Amino acid sequence: MLREHGMASVHSVRTLIGAGSNEIDEASDELLPTSGGDGVVTVRKFQSLEGSLMWVARCTRPDIAYAVHKASRRTHSPTMSDWKLGKRIARHLAGTKSCR
């Protein structure tokens, strides 16, 4: 999953949700574009990442379910902070590959 989303060599994080994740001003947060080039994060890329995280949470890692749910609440119109939270969850998974 990490390789599929270009995160095979990311640095890991110890926590799923950062300390300031609830204080994000949603009104000023920019929406992700619906289309773009290779380096642009789009709604489609976000939805693909969230789908992969949902599968991992449901099938192998129930400990990440709350964080995945929090990131996927606005899948129809995601913001940059939603994308950052999804990436943070993937970075946590990268650091805990050996957990069972």
N, C-alpha and C. Protein backbone atom coordinates (compact mmCIF):
# COMPACT_ATOMS: atom_id res chain seq x y z
N MET A 1 0.82 -1.18 0.00
CA MET A 1 0.00 0.00 0.00
C MET A 1 0.87 1.26 0.00
N LEU A 2 1.92 1.27 0.81
CA LEU A 2 2.79 2.44 0.86
C LEU A 2 3.48 2.69 -0.47
N ARG A 3 3.95 1.63 -1.10
CA ARG A 3 4.61 1.77 -2.40
C ARG A 3 3.63 2.29 -3.45
N GLU A 4 2.41 1.80 -3.42
CA GLU A 4 1.38 2.20 -4.38
C GLU A 4 1.10 3.70 -4.32
N HIS A 5 1.22 4.29 -3.15
CA HIS A 5 0.93 5.71 -2.97
C HIS A 5 2.20 6.56 -2.86
N GLY A 6 3.34 6.00 -3.25
CA GLY A 6 4.59 6.76 -3.27
C GLY A 6 5.15 7.08 -1.90
N MET A 7 4.88 6.22 -0.92
CA MET A 7 5.35 6.48 0.44
C MET A 7 6.20 5.33 0.98
N ALA A 8 6.92 4.67 0.11
CA ALA A 8 7.71 3.50 0.53
C ALA A 8 8.88 3.88 1.43
N SER A 9 9.41 5.07 1.27
CA SER A 9 10.60 5.45 2.05
C SER A 9 10.34 6.69 2.91
N VAL A 10 9.17 6.77 3.52
CA VAL A 10 8.85 7.92 4.37
C VAL A 10 9.37 7.70 5.78
N HIS A 11 9.56 8.78 6.50
CA HIS A 11 9.93 8.70 7.91
C HIS A 11 8.68 8.40 8.72
N SER A 12 8.82 7.59 9.74
CA SER A 12 7.65 7.19 10.52
C SER A 12 7.34 8.22 11.61
N VAL A 13 6.10 8.14 12.10
CA VAL A 13 5.66 8.95 13.24
C VAL A 13 5.14 8.00 14.30
N ARG A 14 5.20 8.42 15.55
CA ARG A 14 4.81 7.53 16.65
C ARG A 14 3.31 7.55 16.91
N THR A 15 2.65 8.67 16.62
CA THR A 15 1.22 8.78 16.91
C THR A 15 0.42 8.93 15.62
N LEU A 16 -0.80 8.46 15.66
CA LEU A 16 -1.66 8.53 14.48
C LEU A 16 -2.18 9.94 14.22
N ILE A 17 -2.63 10.59 15.28
CA ILE A 17 -3.21 11.92 15.15
C ILE A 17 -2.34 12.88 15.94
N GLY A 18 -1.90 13.96 15.29
CA GLY A 18 -1.04 14.93 15.95
C GLY A 18 -1.78 15.75 16.99
N ALA A 19 -1.04 16.46 17.79
CA ALA A 19 -1.61 17.23 18.89
C ALA A 19 -2.54 18.34 18.40
N GLY A 20 -2.24 18.97 17.30
CA GLY A 20 -3.04 20.09 16.82
C GLY A 20 -4.06 19.74 15.76
N SER A 21 -4.39 18.48 15.60
CA SER A 21 -5.29 18.10 14.51
C SER A 21 -6.73 18.54 14.73
N ASN A 22 -7.15 18.77 15.96
CA ASN A 22 -8.52 19.22 16.22
C ASN A 22 -8.67 20.72 16.12
N GLU A 23 -7.57 21.46 16.12
CA GLU A 23 -7.63 22.92 16.09
C GLU A 23 -7.53 23.48 14.68
N ILE A 24 -7.68 22.67 13.67
CA ILE A 24 -7.55 23.13 12.29
C ILE A 24 -8.76 23.99 11.94
N ASP A 25 -8.50 25.16 11.38
CA ASP A 25 -9.58 26.05 10.95
C ASP A 25 -10.09 25.56 9.60
N GLU A 26 -11.19 24.85 9.62
CA GLU A 26 -11.71 24.23 8.40
C GLU A 26 -12.19 25.25 7.38
N ALA A 27 -12.59 26.43 7.82
CA ALA A 27 -13.09 27.44 6.90
C ALA A 27 -11.98 27.98 6.00
N SER A 28 -10.76 28.06 6.52
CA SER A 28 -9.67 28.62 5.72
C SER A 28 -8.83 27.55 5.03
N ASP A 29 -9.13 26.28 5.27
CA ASP A 29 -8.36 25.20 4.67
C ASP A 29 -8.79 25.02 3.21
N GLU A 30 -7.82 24.91 2.31
CA GLU A 30 -8.14 24.82 0.89
C GLU A 30 -8.58 23.42 0.49
N LEU A 31 -9.54 23.35 -0.42
CA LEU A 31 -10.01 22.07 -0.95
C LEU A 31 -9.00 21.52 -1.94
N LEU A 32 -8.93 20.22 -2.03
CA LEU A 32 -8.04 19.59 -3.02
C LEU A 32 -8.66 19.74 -4.40
N PRO A 33 -7.83 19.94 -5.43
CA PRO A 33 -8.37 20.06 -6.79
C PRO A 33 -8.91 18.73 -7.30
N THR A 34 -9.86 18.80 -8.23
CA THR A 34 -10.43 17.58 -8.79
C THR A 34 -9.56 16.98 -9.88
N SER A 35 -8.70 17.79 -10.49
CA SER A 35 -7.79 17.27 -11.51
C SER A 35 -6.46 18.01 -11.40
N GLY A 36 -5.42 17.38 -11.93
CA GLY A 36 -4.11 18.00 -11.87
C GLY A 36 -3.06 17.11 -12.51
N GLY A 37 -1.82 17.56 -12.47
CA GLY A 37 -0.71 16.83 -13.05
C GLY A 37 -0.20 15.72 -12.14
N ASP A 38 1.01 15.25 -12.45
CA ASP A 38 1.59 14.13 -11.70
C ASP A 38 1.89 14.48 -10.25
N GLY A 39 2.44 15.63 -9.98
CA GLY A 39 2.84 15.98 -8.62
C GLY A 39 1.74 16.62 -7.78
N VAL A 40 0.56 16.80 -8.37
CA VAL A 40 -0.52 17.48 -7.68
C VAL A 40 -1.39 16.47 -6.94
N VAL A 41 -1.67 16.76 -5.68
CA VAL A 41 -2.57 15.91 -4.90
C VAL A 41 -4.00 16.26 -5.29
N THR A 42 -4.74 15.27 -5.75
CA THR A 42 -6.12 15.50 -6.19
C THR A 42 -7.10 14.75 -5.30
N VAL A 43 -8.37 15.03 -5.50
CA VAL A 43 -9.42 14.33 -4.76
C VAL A 43 -9.32 12.84 -5.02
N ARG A 44 -9.06 12.46 -6.24
CA ARG A 44 -8.97 11.04 -6.60
C ARG A 44 -7.83 10.34 -5.84
N LYS A 45 -6.67 11.00 -5.74
CA LYS A 45 -5.54 10.42 -5.00
C LYS A 45 -5.88 10.28 -3.52
N PHE A 46 -6.57 11.29 -2.98
CA PHE A 46 -6.98 11.22 -1.58
C PHE A 46 -7.94 10.06 -1.36
N GLN A 47 -8.92 9.92 -2.25
CA GLN A 47 -9.90 8.84 -2.10
C GLN A 47 -9.23 7.48 -2.23
N SER A 48 -8.25 7.36 -3.09
CA SER A 48 -7.52 6.11 -3.23
C SER A 48 -6.74 5.78 -1.95
N LEU A 49 -6.07 6.77 -1.38
CA LEU A 49 -5.34 6.56 -0.13
C LEU A 49 -6.29 6.18 0.99
N GLU A 50 -7.41 6.87 1.11
CA GLU A 50 -8.37 6.58 2.17
C GLU A 50 -8.98 5.18 2.01
N GLY A 51 -9.25 4.78 0.78
CA GLY A 51 -9.76 3.43 0.56
C GLY A 51 -8.77 2.37 1.00
N SER A 52 -7.51 2.59 0.69
CA SER A 52 -6.47 1.65 1.13
C SER A 52 -6.36 1.62 2.65
N LEU A 53 -6.42 2.79 3.27
CA LEU A 53 -6.34 2.84 4.73
C LEU A 53 -7.55 2.18 5.38
N MET A 54 -8.73 2.34 4.77
CA MET A 54 -9.93 1.68 5.30
C MET A 54 -9.79 0.17 5.24
N TRP A 55 -9.24 -0.33 4.14
CA TRP A 55 -9.05 -1.77 4.02
C TRP A 55 -8.09 -2.27 5.09
N VAL A 56 -6.99 -1.56 5.28
CA VAL A 56 -6.01 -1.95 6.29
C VAL A 56 -6.64 -1.92 7.68
N ALA A 57 -7.41 -0.88 7.97
CA ALA A 57 -8.04 -0.76 9.29
C ALA A 57 -9.06 -1.87 9.52
N ARG A 58 -9.78 -2.24 8.50
CA ARG A 58 -10.82 -3.26 8.66
C ARG A 58 -10.24 -4.67 8.73
N CYS A 59 -9.23 -4.95 7.94
CA CYS A 59 -8.75 -6.32 7.80
C CYS A 59 -7.56 -6.66 8.69
N THR A 60 -6.66 -5.73 8.92
CA THR A 60 -5.43 -6.11 9.63
C THR A 60 -5.06 -5.23 10.81
N ARG A 61 -5.47 -3.98 10.82
CA ARG A 61 -5.02 -3.05 11.87
C ARG A 61 -6.20 -2.26 12.45
N PRO A 62 -7.02 -2.87 13.29
CA PRO A 62 -8.16 -2.15 13.87
C PRO A 62 -7.75 -0.99 14.77
N ASP A 63 -6.49 -0.94 15.20
CA ASP A 63 -6.03 0.15 16.06
C ASP A 63 -6.00 1.50 15.35
N ILE A 64 -6.04 1.52 14.02
CA ILE A 64 -6.00 2.78 13.29
C ILE A 64 -7.39 3.22 12.84
N ALA A 65 -8.43 2.50 13.21
CA ALA A 65 -9.78 2.75 12.70
C ALA A 65 -10.28 4.16 13.01
N TYR A 66 -10.07 4.64 14.23
CA TYR A 66 -10.56 5.98 14.58
C TYR A 66 -9.89 7.06 13.72
N ALA A 67 -8.59 6.98 13.58
CA ALA A 67 -7.86 7.98 12.79
C ALA A 67 -8.28 7.93 11.33
N VAL A 68 -8.48 6.74 10.79
CA VAL A 68 -8.92 6.61 9.39
C VAL A 68 -10.32 7.20 9.23
N HIS A 69 -11.19 6.93 10.18
CA HIS A 69 -12.55 7.50 10.12
C HIS A 69 -12.49 9.02 10.16
N LYS A 70 -11.66 9.56 11.02
CA LYS A 70 -11.53 11.02 11.14
C LYS A 70 -11.04 11.63 9.83
N ALA A 71 -10.11 10.97 9.17
CA ALA A 71 -9.58 11.49 7.90
C ALA A 71 -10.57 11.35 6.76
N SER A 72 -11.45 10.37 6.83
CA SER A 72 -12.34 10.10 5.69
C SER A 72 -13.73 10.72 5.84
N ARG A 73 -13.94 11.58 6.80
CA ARG A 73 -15.26 12.18 6.99
C ARG A 73 -15.68 13.05 5.82
N ARG A 74 -14.74 13.67 5.15
CA ARG A 74 -15.07 14.56 4.03
C ARG A 74 -14.47 14.03 2.73
N THR A 75 -14.71 12.79 2.43
CA THR A 75 -14.15 12.18 1.22
C THR A 75 -14.69 12.84 -0.04
N HIS A 76 -15.91 13.35 0.00
CA HIS A 76 -16.51 13.99 -1.17
C HIS A 76 -15.88 15.35 -1.48
N SER A 77 -15.37 16.05 -0.48
CA SER A 77 -14.68 17.33 -0.71
C SER A 77 -13.54 17.48 0.30
N PRO A 78 -12.47 16.73 0.10
CA PRO A 78 -11.36 16.75 1.07
C PRO A 78 -10.54 18.04 1.00
N THR A 79 -9.93 18.34 2.12
CA THR A 79 -9.07 19.52 2.21
C THR A 79 -7.62 19.06 2.34
N MET A 80 -6.73 20.02 2.32
CA MET A 80 -5.31 19.70 2.45
C MET A 80 -5.01 19.10 3.83
N SER A 81 -5.73 19.53 4.86
CA SER A 81 -5.50 18.95 6.20
C SER A 81 -5.96 17.50 6.25
N ASP A 82 -7.00 17.14 5.50
CA ASP A 82 -7.42 15.74 5.42
C ASP A 82 -6.33 14.90 4.76
N TRP A 83 -5.73 15.45 3.70
CA TRP A 83 -4.64 14.76 3.01
C TRP A 83 -3.45 14.56 3.95
N LYS A 84 -3.12 15.60 4.71
CA LYS A 84 -1.99 15.50 5.65
C LYS A 84 -2.26 14.45 6.72
N LEU A 85 -3.50 14.36 7.19
CA LEU A 85 -3.84 13.34 8.19
C LEU A 85 -3.73 11.95 7.58
N GLY A 86 -4.20 11.77 6.35
CA GLY A 86 -4.07 10.48 5.68
C GLY A 86 -2.61 10.08 5.51
N LYS A 87 -1.77 11.05 5.13
CA LYS A 87 -0.34 10.77 5.01
C LYS A 87 0.27 10.43 6.35
N ARG A 88 -0.17 11.09 7.41
CA ARG A 88 0.36 10.81 8.75
C ARG A 88 0.03 9.38 9.16
N ILE A 89 -1.18 8.94 8.87
CA ILE A 89 -1.57 7.56 9.20
C ILE A 89 -0.70 6.58 8.42
N ALA A 90 -0.46 6.87 7.14
CA ALA A 90 0.40 5.99 6.33
C ALA A 90 1.83 5.99 6.88
N ARG A 91 2.31 7.14 7.34
CA ARG A 91 3.65 7.20 7.94
C ARG A 91 3.71 6.39 9.23
N HIS A 92 2.63 6.40 10.00
CA HIS A 92 2.58 5.58 11.21
C HIS A 92 2.63 4.10 10.84
N LEU A 93 1.92 3.72 9.80
CA LEU A 93 1.94 2.32 9.36
C LEU A 93 3.34 1.92 8.89
N ALA A 94 4.04 2.84 8.25
CA ALA A 94 5.40 2.54 7.79
C ALA A 94 6.32 2.24 8.97
N GLY A 95 6.11 2.92 10.08
CA GLY A 95 6.95 2.71 11.24
C GLY A 95 6.55 1.53 12.10
N THR A 96 5.37 0.98 11.85
CA THR A 96 4.87 -0.14 12.67
C THR A 96 4.58 -1.36 11.82
N LYS A 97 5.38 -1.59 10.81
CA LYS A 97 5.17 -2.75 9.93
C LYS A 97 5.28 -4.06 10.69
N SER A 98 6.11 -4.10 11.71
CA SER A 98 6.35 -5.35 12.42
C SER A 98 5.31 -5.63 13.51
N CYS A 99 4.40 -4.69 13.77
CA CYS A 99 3.36 -4.92 14.79
C CYS A 99 2.36 -5.95 14.30
N ARG A 100 1.93 -6.79 15.22
CA ARG A 100 0.93 -7.80 14.86
C ARG A 100 -0.16 -7.80 15.86
